[in-house]
Amino acid sequence: MPPPVDPAATGPVLHRLVEAALAEHGALLEPGEVEVVQRFLALPPAVGHLYARLLQRVRETFRVDGLDEADQAALPVLEAVALVDAEVAPAERLEALRVPELQAVCRALGLPAGGRRATLVERLAGFDPPGFPILRRTLHRPLFRRLQRLLLRHPRADLRVVVLDLIGVQPRPVYTPGPGAPLFASRAELLDFEEARAALDACREGALALPLLEPALAWLAASPPPTPANRHFSTRRVAAKILALAARELERAAEPALALALYERLLEDGALEPGELAQRAVLAAGSLDPAAAVRLADRWLPRVDPASSLALERSARRLARAAGLPRASPRLHAPVDRRLVLSGACGEGARPLYRIDGQDLPVEPALVRLLAARGRRVLHAEAAPWTTLFALILRDLYFLPLPGVLPVPWLTGPLDLGTPAFAEARQGPLETRLAEVRAGAAPGLVRARFQAHAGELLAGARWELCDGAALTTIAQALGGPALARLLGRLAWEGWQAARGLPDLLILPGPELDLPEANPSRLGPGLLLAEVKGPGDSVRDAQAAWFHLLLEEGAPVELWAVAREVFS
């Protein structure tokens, strides 16, 4: 008698999700797909558990001799209900062979048996190896992944969030799901999305976007505008991304007028964030009419994010000079420079290394180790402490009962999180909370909520990088006004705004004298440091954060690190 299957194991979890997905999204499936799902739901628990684990594997094909005795006994049941079959191509049999087995096949065919695995596989290309090892193929993976994505409301959804919760490794937030709008009104809409998504994936892997211009324009015209709740499943948004890639290809092909027309169409459509689109549109327009390009830049400057506005303003100044137009430069707060000279490791690699206490390290870990040896704790986490503070301080706002954003119980945050709609839908509570933060409430909130929720599957939280004491210290030492401004920007602009936050967070501690630095005195307070090695320069996203943080009195420095190599 087979052992009982743990109810938190992959099989029962998949059974629960598939059953719920069939009830909610069954109208989007064909009768044959529904029948496949029902065959899975009717499996004995141990057999269903095996199939669920096979679905999670990287490859569709698997070796039967890699299964344990109980799984091998369950395999015929999966074959009988056509969830697994024996149809395996010769090339896949070669990929499944281990090196000694590949060598044995080579010897059996009278071929040389030396070389690495890739060489052996290439040598055997075109040969049909013998039936060992016995392989099987897992069928219907796309169908079950589709159901998981639809139910969990994310294109890359998998079982981990549910399994981790059920086995007690990481609990999920507890909230009451509310009604949500259907992701697709019909199967035709679902298939359009999947076709568009596959086309975008192909472009990201190197395929050209221009041949997809006609279908992408059709998708854009026929699909409804994305909402915060369905943006991950918006055909219109996917089509817009394909068209943005096509416009870039037109720029490279010296067709700026055609590229500009596409960029302006996308800016008017609004399915994508305007920052990069506006910049590309201005550059394309600049090669046609610099004065018109300046007017285009001025139209979009108030509507783009702070980092994009810096790039757009820079382009507008250059084009204004070309057109003979006056234009003043904006005044930005810039951080204090601190220059450091560290011992560099001998030799050159992809990234310079620095020798600290006998170890060769990249620049940020080298500085963390150097300062730790002098008694100062440093977090090299960039955005992670800030998104974790955001998640803790605004956790109750995540789970307000708003329409459509919490439709299923396995979300780590609302579906509008990471978009401006998050702040728009919660503007009153958000302004109240930020006012509390400005007044000094953040340390107490962080301390209490860390004790209550640390380890929870909470969007934005990176528990492995920050402990409660450090987070409370950061909230206290940064000060309410700067922290409120930082959290407000993340709330209104979304996670993309976190790009460019300083590399290092140097926590309060003893005042230090750093002989390696100029100036050499490191004060005892909190310090945010952006680190630049030789040849590095400040990016627009970083300059935007410098300005915002310094405007609120936050302690920010730019650390320029040089290497002194000793042979």
Protein backbone atom coordinates (compact mmCIF):
# COMPACT_ATOMS: atom_id res chain seq x y z
CA MET A 1 0.00 0.00 0.00
CA PRO A 2 1.56 3.36 -1.03
CA PRO A 3 2.26 5.87 1.74
CA PRO A 4 -0.27 8.71 2.14
CA VAL A 5 0.51 11.89 0.24
CA ASP A 6 1.17 15.01 2.29
CA PRO A 7 -1.74 17.43 1.67
CA ALA A 8 0.81 20.25 1.33
CA ALA A 9 2.77 18.34 -1.33
CA THR A 10 2.87 19.41 -4.97
CA GLY A 11 0.17 17.01 -6.17
CA PRO A 12 -2.62 18.02 -3.78
CA VAL A 13 -1.70 21.69 -4.22
CA LEU A 14 -1.95 21.40 -8.00
CA HIS A 15 -5.23 19.51 -7.58
CA ARG A 16 -6.67 22.41 -5.54
CA LEU A 17 -5.47 25.05 -7.98
CA VAL A 18 -6.60 23.20 -11.09
CA GLU A 19 -10.01 22.52 -9.59
CA ALA A 20 -10.41 26.23 -8.73
CA ALA A 21 -9.09 27.30 -12.15
CA LEU A 22 -11.51 24.99 -13.94
CA ALA A 23 -14.43 26.45 -11.99
CA GLU A 24 -13.36 30.05 -12.68
CA HIS A 25 -11.89 29.82 -16.19
CA GLY A 26 -13.37 26.64 -17.64
CA ALA A 27 -15.31 28.65 -20.24
CA LEU A 28 -11.97 29.54 -21.88
CA LEU A 29 -11.07 25.88 -22.48
CA GLU A 30 -12.06 23.59 -25.32
CA PRO A 31 -14.06 20.43 -24.45
CA GLY A 32 -10.96 18.29 -25.01
CA GLU A 33 -8.93 20.41 -22.59
CA VAL A 34 -11.67 20.18 -19.97
CA GLU A 35 -11.63 16.41 -20.40
CA VAL A 36 -7.83 16.31 -19.84
CA VAL A 37 -8.21 18.36 -16.66
CA GLN A 38 -10.96 16.08 -15.40
CA ARG A 39 -8.76 13.02 -16.02
CA PHE A 40 -6.09 14.61 -13.82
CA LEU A 41 -8.58 15.49 -11.09
CA ALA A 42 -9.80 11.86 -11.04
CA LEU A 43 -6.31 10.41 -10.44
CA PRO A 44 -5.48 8.67 -7.16
CA PRO A 45 -3.53 11.11 -4.90
CA ALA A 46 -0.14 9.41 -5.28
CA VAL A 47 -0.45 9.32 -9.08
CA GLY A 48 -1.59 12.95 -9.22
CA HIS A 49 1.38 13.88 -7.05
CA LEU A 50 3.76 12.23 -9.54
CA TYR A 51 2.19 14.06 -12.49
CA ALA A 52 2.39 17.39 -10.65
CA ARG A 53 6.09 16.86 -9.98
CA LEU A 54 6.70 15.93 -13.61
CA LEU A 55 5.04 19.18 -14.69
CA GLN A 56 7.53 21.16 -12.59
CA ARG A 57 10.58 19.66 -14.30
CA VAL A 58 12.57 21.72 -16.77
CA ARG A 59 12.28 19.14 -19.56
CA GLU A 60 9.18 17.42 -20.88
CA THR A 61 11.10 14.16 -21.26
CA PHE A 62 12.32 12.18 -18.28
CA ARG A 63 14.14 8.94 -17.55
CA VAL A 64 12.05 6.19 -16.05
CA ASP A 65 15.09 4.85 -14.17
CA GLY A 66 15.28 8.24 -12.43
CA LEU A 67 11.99 7.58 -10.64
CA ASP A 68 11.74 5.67 -7.39
CA GLU A 69 9.90 2.37 -7.16
CA ALA A 70 6.56 3.88 -6.10
CA ASP A 71 6.63 6.41 -8.95
CA GLN A 72 7.52 3.73 -11.49
CA ALA A 73 4.51 1.75 -10.27
CA ALA A 74 2.27 4.82 -10.77
CA LEU A 75 3.59 5.62 -14.25
CA PRO A 76 1.35 3.14 -16.16
CA VAL A 77 -1.72 4.89 -14.75
CA LEU A 78 -0.54 8.20 -16.24
CA GLU A 79 0.12 6.49 -19.57
CA ALA A 80 -3.33 4.87 -19.52
CA VAL A 81 -5.06 8.26 -19.18
CA ALA A 82 -2.76 9.90 -21.78
CA LEU A 83 -1.01 12.31 -19.42
CA VAL A 84 2.35 10.68 -20.25
CA ASP A 85 3.47 8.89 -23.41
CA ALA A 86 6.49 7.12 -24.90
CA GLU A 87 6.84 9.31 -28.03
CA VAL A 88 10.42 10.58 -27.72
CA ALA A 89 12.60 11.83 -30.59
CA PRO A 90 16.12 10.38 -31.08
CA ALA A 91 17.72 13.75 -30.28
CA GLU A 92 15.92 13.80 -26.93
CA ARG A 93 17.20 10.32 -26.14
CA LEU A 94 20.72 11.57 -26.78
CA GLU A 95 20.18 14.53 -24.43
CA ALA A 96 19.01 12.13 -21.71
CA LEU A 97 22.14 9.97 -21.87
CA ARG A 98 24.93 10.47 -19.36
CA VAL A 99 28.54 10.78 -20.54
CA PRO A 100 29.48 7.10 -19.93
CA GLU A 101 26.33 6.06 -21.79
CA LEU A 102 27.13 8.38 -24.70
CA GLN A 103 30.63 6.91 -24.83
CA ALA A 104 29.18 3.39 -24.86
CA VAL A 105 26.90 4.28 -27.80
CA CYS A 106 29.87 5.76 -29.69
CA ARG A 107 31.89 2.61 -29.16
CA ALA A 108 28.94 0.44 -30.24
CA LEU A 109 28.73 2.43 -33.47
CA GLY A 110 32.49 2.35 -34.05
CA LEU A 111 32.89 6.07 -33.39
CA PRO A 112 35.56 7.77 -31.25
CA ALA A 113 34.43 7.85 -27.61
CA GLY A 114 36.58 10.76 -26.36
CA GLY A 115 35.64 14.36 -25.69
CA ARG A 116 33.19 16.36 -23.64
CA ARG A 117 29.45 15.79 -23.45
CA ALA A 118 28.61 18.38 -26.11
CA THR A 119 31.17 16.82 -28.47
CA LEU A 120 29.73 13.34 -27.95
CA VAL A 121 26.17 14.53 -28.57
CA GLU A 122 27.24 16.36 -31.71
CA ARG A 123 29.11 13.23 -32.90
CA LEU A 124 25.99 11.12 -32.50
CA ALA A 125 23.65 13.60 -34.23
CA GLY A 126 21.57 11.75 -36.80
CA PHE A 127 21.93 8.38 -35.08
CA ASP A 128 19.00 6.78 -33.29
CA PRO A 129 20.50 5.39 -30.09
CA PRO A 130 19.20 2.14 -28.64
CA GLY A 131 16.12 2.13 -26.40
CA PHE A 132 18.08 2.53 -23.16
CA PRO A 133 17.39 4.55 -21.13
CA ILE A 134 13.62 4.25 -21.21
CA LEU A 135 12.17 7.73 -21.59
CA ARG A 136 8.70 9.16 -21.27
CA ARG A 137 7.21 12.55 -22.16
CA THR A 138 4.97 14.59 -19.90
CA LEU A 139 1.94 15.72 -21.89
CA HIS A 140 -0.29 18.81 -21.57
CA ARG A 141 2.23 21.01 -19.75
CA PRO A 142 1.05 24.20 -21.55
CA LEU A 143 -2.56 23.53 -20.51
CA PHE A 144 -1.74 23.14 -16.81
CA ARG A 145 0.62 26.11 -16.81
CA ARG A 146 -2.10 28.18 -18.47
CA LEU A 147 -4.51 27.26 -15.69
CA GLN A 148 -1.97 28.15 -13.00
CA ARG A 149 -1.26 31.52 -14.65
CA LEU A 150 -4.94 32.34 -14.99
CA LEU A 151 -5.78 31.44 -11.42
CA LEU A 152 -2.73 33.07 -9.78
CA ARG A 153 -3.03 36.11 -12.07
CA HIS A 154 0.57 36.24 -13.21
CA PRO A 155 2.25 35.07 -16.46
CA ARG A 156 5.11 33.41 -14.55
CA ALA A 157 2.95 31.97 -11.78
CA ASP A 158 3.94 28.60 -10.34
CA LEU A 159 3.12 26.52 -7.30
CA ARG A 160 5.90 27.77 -5.05
CA VAL A 161 3.94 30.53 -3.31
CA VAL A 162 1.18 28.07 -2.42
CA VAL A 163 3.48 25.18 -1.45
CA LEU A 164 5.74 27.38 0.70
CA ASP A 165 2.68 28.62 2.54
CA LEU A 166 1.17 25.18 3.10
CA ILE A 167 4.38 23.58 4.38
CA GLY A 168 4.96 26.50 6.74
CA VAL A 169 8.23 27.73 5.22
CA GLN A 170 6.82 31.13 4.27
CA PRO A 171 3.27 32.02 5.26
CA ARG A 172 1.21 34.04 2.83
CA PRO A 173 -0.66 37.15 3.91
CA VAL A 174 -4.15 36.42 5.21
CA TYR A 175 -6.89 38.50 3.62
CA THR A 176 -10.41 38.07 2.28
CA PRO A 177 -10.42 37.74 -1.52
CA GLY A 178 -12.92 39.91 -3.34
CA PRO A 179 -14.56 39.59 -6.74
CA GLY A 180 -12.37 40.23 -9.75
CA ALA A 181 -13.19 40.88 -13.39
CA PRO A 182 -12.51 38.00 -15.81
CA LEU A 183 -9.11 38.21 -17.47
CA PHE A 184 -10.54 37.37 -20.89
CA ALA A 185 -14.07 37.69 -22.26
CA SER A 186 -13.60 34.77 -24.64
CA ARG A 187 -11.22 32.03 -25.69
CA ALA A 188 -10.35 34.09 -28.79
CA GLU A 189 -9.03 36.88 -26.53
CA LEU A 190 -6.98 34.36 -24.55
CA LEU A 191 -5.45 32.91 -27.73
CA ASP A 192 -4.65 36.42 -29.04
CA PHE A 193 -2.81 37.15 -25.80
CA GLU A 194 -0.85 33.91 -25.92
CA GLU A 195 0.07 34.48 -29.58
CA ALA A 196 1.18 38.04 -28.87
CA ARG A 197 3.14 36.96 -25.80
CA ALA A 198 4.94 34.23 -27.78
CA ALA A 199 5.82 36.79 -30.46
CA LEU A 200 7.23 39.19 -27.85
CA ASP A 201 9.27 36.40 -26.27
CA ALA A 202 10.70 35.55 -29.71
CA CYS A 203 11.70 39.21 -30.23
CA ARG A 204 13.43 39.28 -26.87
CA GLU A 205 15.38 36.19 -27.90
CA GLY A 206 16.63 37.86 -31.08
CA ALA A 207 13.83 37.73 -33.67
CA LEU A 208 13.02 40.96 -35.55
CA ALA A 209 9.93 42.90 -34.53
CA LEU A 210 9.32 44.67 -37.85
CA PRO A 211 7.79 41.59 -39.55
CA LEU A 212 5.22 41.61 -36.70
CA LEU A 213 4.21 45.21 -37.34
CA GLU A 214 0.85 44.42 -38.96
CA PRO A 215 -0.43 41.89 -36.38
CA ALA A 216 0.89 44.03 -33.51
CA LEU A 217 -1.03 47.07 -34.80
CA ALA A 218 -4.14 44.90 -35.13
CA TRP A 219 -3.75 43.61 -31.56
CA LEU A 220 -3.26 47.16 -30.33
CA ALA A 221 -6.41 48.39 -32.06
CA ALA A 222 -8.62 45.43 -31.12
CA SER A 223 -7.65 44.91 -27.47
CA PRO A 224 -9.08 46.90 -24.56
CA PRO A 225 -6.76 49.18 -22.55
CA PRO A 226 -4.93 47.41 -19.72
CA THR A 227 -6.20 47.80 -16.18
CA PRO A 228 -4.03 47.52 -13.06
CA ALA A 229 -5.63 44.15 -12.33
CA ASN A 230 -5.06 42.60 -15.78
CA ARG A 231 -1.91 44.35 -16.99
CA HIS A 232 0.07 41.07 -16.92
CA PHE A 233 -2.51 39.60 -19.32
CA SER A 234 -3.09 42.59 -21.57
CA THR A 235 -2.74 41.84 -25.29
CA ARG A 236 -2.67 45.58 -25.91
CA ARG A 237 0.29 46.05 -23.57
CA VAL A 238 2.19 43.15 -25.17
CA ALA A 239 1.47 44.51 -28.65
CA ALA A 240 2.73 47.93 -27.57
CA LYS A 241 6.02 46.38 -26.44
CA ILE A 242 6.43 44.70 -29.84
CA LEU A 243 5.73 48.02 -31.60
CA ALA A 244 8.30 49.80 -29.41
CA LEU A 245 10.90 47.24 -30.50
CA ALA A 246 9.85 47.71 -34.13
CA ALA A 247 10.21 51.49 -33.81
CA ARG A 248 13.72 51.04 -32.45
CA GLU A 249 14.56 48.85 -35.45
CA LEU A 250 13.26 51.60 -37.76
CA GLU A 251 15.57 54.09 -36.04
CA ARG A 252 18.52 51.79 -36.67
CA ALA A 253 17.44 51.46 -40.30
CA ALA A 254 17.59 55.27 -40.69
CA GLU A 255 13.80 55.65 -40.93
CA PRO A 256 13.21 58.29 -38.24
CA ALA A 257 9.87 59.52 -39.64
CA LEU A 258 8.35 56.03 -39.50
CA ALA A 259 9.84 55.44 -36.05
CA LEU A 260 8.46 58.77 -34.80
CA ALA A 261 4.97 57.90 -36.06
CA LEU A 262 5.06 54.63 -34.10
CA TYR A 263 6.38 56.27 -30.94
CA GLU A 264 3.70 58.97 -31.06
CA ARG A 265 1.03 56.31 -31.58
CA LEU A 266 2.29 54.46 -28.49
CA LEU A 267 2.47 57.65 -26.42
CA GLU A 268 -1.11 58.49 -27.31
CA ASP A 269 -2.24 54.93 -26.60
CA GLY A 270 -0.90 54.95 -23.02
CA ALA A 271 -0.52 51.18 -22.61
CA LEU A 272 3.19 51.63 -21.73
CA GLU A 273 4.94 54.03 -19.38
CA PRO A 274 5.87 57.15 -21.37
CA GLY A 275 9.43 57.72 -20.12
CA GLU A 276 11.58 55.80 -22.60
CA LEU A 277 9.04 56.20 -25.42
CA ALA A 278 9.12 59.99 -25.09
CA GLN A 279 12.92 60.01 -25.13
CA ARG A 280 13.07 57.84 -28.26
CA ALA A 281 10.38 59.95 -29.95
CA VAL A 282 12.32 63.16 -29.28
CA LEU A 283 15.53 61.65 -30.66
CA ALA A 284 13.74 60.46 -33.79
CA ALA A 285 12.09 63.88 -34.22
CA GLY A 286 15.43 65.60 -33.64
CA SER A 287 16.91 64.15 -36.81
CA LEU A 288 13.99 65.64 -38.78
CA ASP A 289 13.29 69.01 -37.10
CA PRO A 290 15.20 69.97 -33.91
CA ALA A 291 12.79 72.78 -32.99
CA ALA A 292 9.77 70.46 -33.29
CA ALA A 293 11.63 67.88 -31.20
CA VAL A 294 12.15 70.46 -28.44
CA ARG A 295 8.42 71.21 -28.43
CA LEU A 296 7.70 67.48 -28.23
CA ALA A 297 10.07 67.15 -25.26
CA ASP A 298 8.39 70.04 -23.45
CA ARG A 299 4.99 68.43 -23.96
CA TRP A 300 6.10 65.20 -22.28
CA LEU A 301 8.49 66.45 -19.60
CA PRO A 302 5.71 66.97 -17.00
CA ARG A 303 4.35 63.46 -17.65
CA VAL A 304 7.42 61.25 -17.31
CA ASP A 305 9.21 59.91 -14.24
CA PRO A 306 12.11 61.88 -12.69
CA ALA A 307 14.86 59.69 -14.20
CA SER A 308 13.35 59.89 -17.70
CA SER A 309 12.88 63.64 -17.32
CA LEU A 310 16.65 64.08 -16.89
CA ALA A 311 17.39 62.23 -20.15
CA LEU A 312 14.60 64.08 -21.93
CA GLU A 313 15.80 67.48 -20.69
CA ARG A 314 19.37 66.67 -21.76
CA SER A 315 18.18 65.80 -25.28
CA ALA A 316 16.03 68.94 -25.38
CA ARG A 317 19.03 71.15 -24.47
CA ARG A 318 21.17 69.58 -27.20
CA LEU A 319 18.41 69.99 -29.79
CA ALA A 320 17.70 73.56 -28.65
CA ARG A 321 21.35 74.43 -29.32
CA ALA A 322 21.06 72.87 -32.78
CA ALA A 323 17.94 74.94 -33.45
CA GLY A 324 19.45 78.14 -32.02
CA LEU A 325 16.94 78.27 -29.17
CA PRO A 326 17.76 79.44 -25.61
CA ARG A 327 17.30 76.86 -22.86
CA ALA A 328 18.39 76.94 -19.21
CA SER A 329 19.73 73.89 -17.39
CA PRO A 330 17.75 72.64 -14.38
CA ARG A 331 19.43 72.89 -10.97
CA LEU A 332 19.88 69.54 -9.25
CA HIS A 333 21.19 68.70 -5.81
CA ALA A 334 24.43 66.73 -6.12
CA PRO A 335 26.00 64.59 -3.39
CA VAL A 336 29.33 65.17 -1.69
CA ASP A 337 32.18 63.29 -3.39
CA ARG A 338 34.42 61.00 -1.37
CA ARG A 339 37.43 59.49 -3.13
CA LEU A 340 38.95 56.20 -2.03
CA VAL A 341 42.02 54.27 -3.13
CA LEU A 342 41.92 50.52 -2.48
CA SER A 343 44.45 47.82 -3.20
CA GLY A 344 43.47 46.17 -6.45
CA ALA A 345 43.87 42.48 -7.22
CA CYS A 346 46.43 41.63 -9.88
CA GLY A 347 45.08 40.80 -13.32
CA GLU A 348 42.02 42.06 -15.15
CA GLY A 349 38.61 40.46 -15.36
CA ALA A 350 35.12 41.44 -16.40
CA ARG A 351 34.90 43.51 -13.22
CA PRO A 352 37.82 44.95 -11.22
CA LEU A 353 38.54 43.24 -7.89
CA TYR A 354 39.94 44.75 -4.72
CA ARG A 355 42.04 42.99 -2.09
CA ILE A 356 40.68 43.30 1.44
CA ASP A 357 42.02 41.09 4.24
CA GLY A 358 43.55 38.72 1.71
CA GLN A 359 40.33 38.32 -0.30
CA ASP A 360 39.71 39.59 -3.83
CA LEU A 361 36.24 41.17 -3.97
CA PRO A 362 34.14 43.42 -6.23
CA VAL A 363 34.06 47.01 -5.10
CA GLU A 364 30.82 47.01 -3.06
CA PRO A 365 31.58 43.81 -1.05
CA ALA A 366 35.14 45.09 -0.58
CA LEU A 367 33.84 48.28 1.03
CA VAL A 368 31.37 46.31 3.17
CA ARG A 369 34.23 44.17 4.49
CA LEU A 370 36.55 47.15 4.97
CA LEU A 371 34.01 49.10 7.03
CA ALA A 372 32.90 46.02 8.99
CA ALA A 373 36.51 45.50 10.07
CA ARG A 374 36.46 49.06 11.41
CA GLY A 375 33.24 48.56 13.36
CA ARG A 376 30.51 49.79 10.98
CA ARG A 377 27.70 47.63 9.63
CA VAL A 378 26.94 48.13 5.94
CA LEU A 379 24.05 46.78 3.88
CA HIS A 380 24.84 46.22 0.20
CA ALA A 381 21.27 45.82 -0.90
CA GLU A 382 20.45 48.83 -3.12
CA ALA A 383 16.62 48.92 -3.25
CA ALA A 384 15.95 45.95 -0.94
CA PRO A 385 15.89 47.78 2.44
CA TRP A 386 13.61 50.46 1.02
CA THR A 387 11.12 48.09 -0.62
CA THR A 388 11.09 46.08 2.62
CA LEU A 389 10.32 49.23 4.60
CA PHE A 390 7.64 50.07 2.04
CA ALA A 391 6.06 46.62 2.48
CA LEU A 392 6.05 46.88 6.28
CA ILE A 393 4.87 50.46 6.62
CA LEU A 394 2.15 50.15 3.96
CA ARG A 395 1.19 46.51 4.53
CA ASP A 396 -2.34 47.32 5.68
CA LEU A 397 -2.85 49.42 2.54
CA TYR A 398 -1.91 46.38 0.43
CA PHE A 399 -4.97 44.50 1.66
CA LEU A 400 -7.67 47.15 1.74
CA PRO A 401 -10.87 45.62 0.28
CA LEU A 402 -10.79 47.46 -3.04
CA PRO A 403 -12.58 46.11 -6.14
CA GLY A 404 -10.71 43.69 -8.38
CA VAL A 405 -7.20 43.79 -6.89
CA LEU A 406 -7.36 40.78 -4.51
CA PRO A 407 -9.40 38.21 -6.43
CA VAL A 408 -7.58 35.06 -5.26
CA PRO A 409 -6.09 34.06 -1.89
CA TRP A 410 -2.49 33.42 -3.01
CA LEU A 411 -1.29 36.95 -3.81
CA THR A 412 1.67 38.53 -2.05
CA GLY A 413 0.23 41.96 -2.70
CA PRO A 414 -2.64 43.58 -4.63
CA LEU A 415 -2.64 43.35 -8.41
CA ASP A 416 -2.22 47.13 -8.75
CA LEU A 417 0.94 47.18 -6.62
CA GLY A 418 3.91 48.58 -8.54
CA THR A 419 1.75 50.90 -10.64
CA PRO A 420 0.50 54.48 -10.12
CA ALA A 421 -2.98 52.99 -9.66
CA PHE A 422 -1.88 51.66 -6.25
CA ALA A 423 -1.51 55.22 -4.93
CA GLU A 424 -4.50 56.60 -6.85
CA ALA A 425 -6.88 53.99 -5.41
CA ARG A 426 -5.62 54.55 -1.83
CA GLN A 427 -4.82 58.26 -1.97
CA GLY A 428 -6.53 59.20 1.31
CA PRO A 429 -5.08 56.37 3.46
CA LEU A 430 -1.70 56.78 1.74
CA GLU A 431 -1.49 60.50 2.47
CA THR A 432 -2.47 59.82 6.08
CA ARG A 433 0.23 57.17 6.47
CA LEU A 434 2.92 59.34 4.86
CA ALA A 435 1.97 62.18 7.19
CA GLU A 436 2.45 59.79 10.13
CA VAL A 437 5.86 58.82 8.75
CA ARG A 438 6.87 62.47 8.40
CA ALA A 439 5.88 62.99 12.02
CA GLY A 440 8.17 60.17 13.19
CA ALA A 441 5.89 57.12 13.40
CA ALA A 442 7.93 54.87 11.08
CA PRO A 443 10.34 53.27 13.63
CA GLY A 444 7.48 52.08 15.84
CA LEU A 445 5.51 50.78 12.86
CA VAL A 446 8.54 48.92 11.49
CA ARG A 447 9.41 47.38 14.84
CA ALA A 448 5.87 46.11 15.50
CA ARG A 449 5.19 44.90 11.99
CA PHE A 450 8.52 43.14 11.63
CA GLN A 451 7.74 41.14 14.77
CA ALA A 452 4.28 40.27 13.41
CA HIS A 453 5.08 39.60 9.74
CA ALA A 454 8.77 38.79 9.23
CA GLY A 455 9.14 35.91 6.79
CA GLU A 456 5.74 36.44 5.21
CA LEU A 457 5.42 36.15 1.43
CA LEU A 458 4.94 39.91 1.11
CA ALA A 459 5.64 41.75 -2.14
CA GLY A 460 8.71 43.96 -1.84
CA ALA A 461 10.01 42.40 1.40
CA ARG A 462 13.51 40.89 1.32
CA TRP A 463 13.74 39.30 4.74
CA GLU A 464 17.05 37.58 4.08
CA LEU A 465 18.84 40.92 3.64
CA CYS A 466 17.48 43.02 6.48
CA ASP A 467 16.73 42.24 10.13
CA GLY A 468 14.20 44.15 12.20
CA ALA A 469 16.76 46.06 14.24
CA ALA A 470 18.54 47.32 11.13
CA LEU A 471 15.29 48.36 9.45
CA THR A 472 14.13 50.20 12.59
CA THR A 473 17.51 51.97 12.82
CA ILE A 474 17.31 53.04 9.17
CA ALA A 475 13.80 54.40 9.60
CA GLN A 476 14.88 56.32 12.72
CA ALA A 477 18.18 57.63 11.37
CA LEU A 478 16.95 58.70 7.92
CA GLY A 479 14.23 60.87 9.41
CA GLY A 480 10.53 61.12 8.70
CA PRO A 481 10.51 63.67 5.84
CA ALA A 482 13.08 61.84 3.69
CA LEU A 483 11.52 58.42 4.34
CA ALA A 484 8.02 59.71 3.54
CA ARG A 485 9.26 61.24 0.28
CA LEU A 486 10.99 58.02 -0.68
CA LEU A 487 7.96 55.85 0.11
CA GLY A 488 5.67 58.26 -1.68
CA ARG A 489 7.70 58.06 -4.87
CA LEU A 490 7.63 54.25 -4.78
CA ALA A 491 3.87 54.32 -4.17
CA TRP A 492 3.08 56.71 -7.01
CA GLU A 493 5.58 55.47 -9.60
CA GLY A 494 5.84 51.77 -8.79
CA TRP A 495 8.78 49.40 -8.37
CA GLN A 496 10.62 50.77 -11.41
CA ALA A 497 11.28 53.91 -9.36
CA ALA A 498 13.49 51.86 -7.00
CA ARG A 499 16.15 51.66 -9.71
CA GLY A 500 19.01 53.99 -8.88
CA LEU A 501 18.78 53.98 -5.10
CA PRO A 502 22.28 54.13 -3.56
CA ASP A 503 24.35 50.93 -3.38
CA LEU A 504 25.36 50.99 0.28
CA LEU A 505 23.55 51.78 3.50
CA ILE A 506 26.12 52.51 6.21
CA LEU A 507 24.35 52.16 9.54
CA PRO A 508 25.09 54.48 12.48
CA GLY A 509 28.12 53.52 14.53
CA PRO A 510 31.48 54.77 15.75
CA GLU A 511 33.08 57.68 13.97
CA LEU A 512 35.92 56.40 11.74
CA ASP A 513 39.12 57.67 10.22
CA LEU A 514 39.59 56.08 6.80
CA PRO A 515 43.15 56.58 5.56
CA GLU A 516 42.06 55.18 2.20
CA ALA A 517 39.55 58.03 1.71
CA ASN A 518 39.51 61.75 1.06
CA PRO A 519 37.89 63.17 3.11
CA SER A 520 39.00 60.57 5.61
CA ARG A 521 36.53 61.22 8.42
CA LEU A 522 33.38 59.10 8.37
CA GLY A 523 30.80 60.51 10.76
CA PRO A 524 28.79 58.36 13.18
CA GLY A 525 25.39 58.78 11.51
CA LEU A 526 23.53 56.93 8.77
CA LEU A 527 25.01 57.36 5.30
CA LEU A 528 23.75 56.36 1.84
CA ALA A 529 26.66 55.84 -0.54
CA GLU A 530 26.57 55.34 -4.30
CA VAL A 531 29.77 53.55 -5.34
CA LYS A 532 31.53 54.09 -8.65
CA GLY A 533 34.61 52.22 -9.75
CA PRO A 534 37.02 53.30 -12.52
CA GLY A 535 35.11 54.22 -15.68
CA ASP A 536 31.68 54.19 -14.02
CA SER A 537 29.41 57.23 -14.29
CA VAL A 538 26.23 58.37 -12.58
CA ARG A 539 23.06 57.22 -14.37
CA ASP A 540 19.93 59.32 -14.63
CA ALA A 541 18.00 57.08 -12.22
CA GLN A 542 20.73 57.64 -9.62
CA ALA A 543 20.89 61.40 -10.20
CA ALA A 544 17.12 61.62 -9.73
CA TRP A 545 17.36 59.88 -6.34
CA PHE A 546 20.31 62.08 -5.30
CA HIS A 547 18.20 65.16 -5.93
CA LEU A 548 15.12 63.87 -4.11
CA LEU A 549 16.97 62.55 -1.06
CA LEU A 550 19.24 65.56 -0.68
CA GLU A 551 16.27 67.89 -1.05
CA GLU A 552 14.85 66.23 2.08
CA GLY A 553 18.13 66.44 3.98
CA ALA A 554 19.15 62.77 3.65
CA PRO A 555 22.89 62.02 4.01
CA VAL A 556 24.02 60.90 0.53
CA GLU A 557 27.55 60.66 -0.85
CA LEU A 558 29.15 59.57 -4.10
CA TRP A 559 32.14 57.29 -3.48
CA ALA A 560 34.64 57.15 -6.34
CA VAL A 561 36.97 54.18 -5.87
CA ALA A 562 40.35 53.94 -7.59
CA ARG A 563 42.57 50.86 -7.71
CA GLU A 564 46.20 50.77 -6.66
CA VAL A 565 47.65 47.52 -7.94
CA PHE A 566 50.76 46.07 -6.28
CA SER A 567 52.66 43.32 -8.04
